[in-house]
């Protein structure tokens, strides 16, 4: 895959490219994640090697596992669960502990 990054957005030699889900419809985006430690800027037309990429996962398999739960939840509860799943998929380290902190309203 090839993509362009705005000139004001630096990409470094240790940057990782991660595929993330934008929503439950399956739309995805590429997130450029800073690597650990200091690194030099990636030169123009530089490449991120496959070792520093992370694919998405099978969202259908995940959602199919929730089917028994969906059958007993109210529509508002399904919506809240869906929002929380998207939040976790978009930023797992930052939001995972918050999304499941309490019982549904």
Protein backbone atom coordinates (compact mmCIF):
# COMPACT_ATOMS: atom_id res chain seq x y z
CA UNK A 1 0.00 0.00 0.00
CA UNK A 2 1.18 3.54 -0.63
CA UNK A 3 0.03 6.70 1.11
CA UNK A 4 1.10 10.31 1.33
CA UNK A 5 1.61 12.29 4.51
CA UNK A 6 1.37 16.08 4.75
CA UNK A 7 4.73 17.84 4.80
CA UNK A 8 4.11 19.22 8.30
CA UNK A 9 3.51 15.74 9.72
CA UNK A 10 6.89 14.10 10.34
CA UNK A 11 7.25 10.34 10.06
CA UNK A 12 10.29 8.77 11.71
CA UNK A 13 12.32 5.67 10.92
CA UNK A 14 10.76 3.88 13.90
CA UNK A 15 7.14 4.84 13.12
CA UNK A 16 4.67 1.96 12.99
CA UNK A 17 1.69 1.78 10.60
CA UNK A 18 -1.37 0.27 12.28
CA UNK A 19 -4.76 -0.46 10.68
CA UNK A 20 -7.57 0.67 13.01
CA UNK A 21 -11.33 0.45 12.76
CA UNK A 22 -13.21 3.72 12.46
CA UNK A 23 -16.64 2.20 13.07
CA UNK A 24 -18.60 -1.05 13.14
CA UNK A 25 -19.47 -0.74 9.45
CA UNK A 26 -15.90 -1.82 8.79
CA UNK A 27 -14.34 1.45 7.68
CA UNK A 28 -10.66 1.51 8.57
CA UNK A 29 -7.81 3.98 8.62
CA UNK A 30 -4.03 3.86 8.88
CA UNK A 31 -2.70 5.19 12.17
CA UNK A 32 0.95 6.23 12.21
CA UNK A 33 2.20 5.42 15.71
CA UNK A 34 5.49 6.82 17.06
CA UNK A 35 8.10 4.21 17.88
CA UNK A 36 10.01 4.01 21.13
CA UNK A 37 13.03 6.25 21.57
CA UNK A 38 14.55 8.86 19.31
CA UNK A 39 14.77 8.29 15.56
CA UNK A 40 15.64 10.20 12.42
CA UNK A 41 12.90 11.48 10.13
CA UNK A 42 11.97 9.10 7.33
CA UNK A 43 13.25 10.55 4.02
CA UNK A 44 10.86 11.64 1.27
CA UNK A 45 9.35 8.56 -0.43
CA UNK A 46 10.65 6.48 2.49
CA UNK A 47 9.02 3.20 3.43
CA UNK A 48 7.82 1.66 6.66
CA UNK A 49 8.92 -1.99 6.53
CA UNK A 50 6.34 -4.71 7.02
CA UNK A 51 7.94 -5.59 10.39
CA UNK A 52 6.65 -2.24 11.70
CA UNK A 53 3.07 -2.70 10.49
CA UNK A 54 0.10 -4.18 12.27
CA UNK A 55 -2.93 -5.53 10.38
CA UNK A 56 -6.52 -5.27 11.50
CA UNK A 57 -8.38 -8.32 12.73
CA UNK A 58 -11.58 -10.11 11.69
CA UNK A 59 -14.34 -7.84 12.99
CA UNK A 60 -17.09 -10.21 11.79
CA UNK A 61 -15.75 -13.02 13.95
CA UNK A 62 -15.67 -10.71 16.96
CA UNK A 63 -19.23 -9.46 16.46
CA UNK A 64 -20.58 -12.95 15.79
CA UNK A 65 -19.32 -13.90 19.24
CA UNK A 66 -21.60 -11.22 20.72
CA UNK A 67 -24.76 -12.61 19.04
CA UNK A 68 -26.14 -14.30 22.19
CA UNK A 69 -25.62 -11.07 24.15
CA UNK A 70 -27.27 -8.91 21.46
CA UNK A 71 -30.43 -11.05 21.65
CA UNK A 72 -31.03 -10.13 25.32
CA UNK A 73 -30.01 -6.45 25.30
CA UNK A 74 -32.27 -3.50 24.70
CA UNK A 75 -31.49 -1.37 21.59
CA UNK A 76 -29.97 1.43 23.69
CA UNK A 77 -27.70 -1.08 25.43
CA UNK A 78 -26.60 -2.52 22.07
CA UNK A 79 -25.76 1.01 20.92
CA UNK A 80 -23.73 1.70 24.05
CA UNK A 81 -21.87 -1.60 23.66
CA UNK A 82 -21.19 -0.82 19.98
CA UNK A 83 -19.82 2.62 20.89
CA UNK A 84 -17.55 1.04 23.50
CA UNK A 85 -16.30 -1.59 21.04
CA UNK A 86 -15.42 1.13 18.53
CA UNK A 87 -13.63 3.12 21.26
CA UNK A 88 -11.56 0.08 22.18
CA UNK A 89 -10.71 -0.65 18.54
CA UNK A 90 -9.66 2.95 17.91
CA UNK A 91 -7.37 3.38 20.90
CA UNK A 92 -6.98 0.18 22.91
CA UNK A 93 -4.36 1.34 25.40
CA UNK A 94 -6.07 4.60 26.20
CA UNK A 95 -9.72 3.62 26.47
CA UNK A 96 -10.03 -0.07 27.25
CA UNK A 97 -10.17 0.37 31.02
CA UNK A 98 -12.73 3.16 30.78
CA UNK A 99 -15.21 1.51 28.40
CA UNK A 100 -16.17 -1.31 30.74
CA UNK A 101 -15.83 0.49 34.07
CA UNK A 102 -19.40 0.13 35.21
CA UNK A 103 -22.72 -1.60 34.59
CA UNK A 104 -24.98 -0.35 31.77
CA UNK A 105 -27.42 2.46 32.60
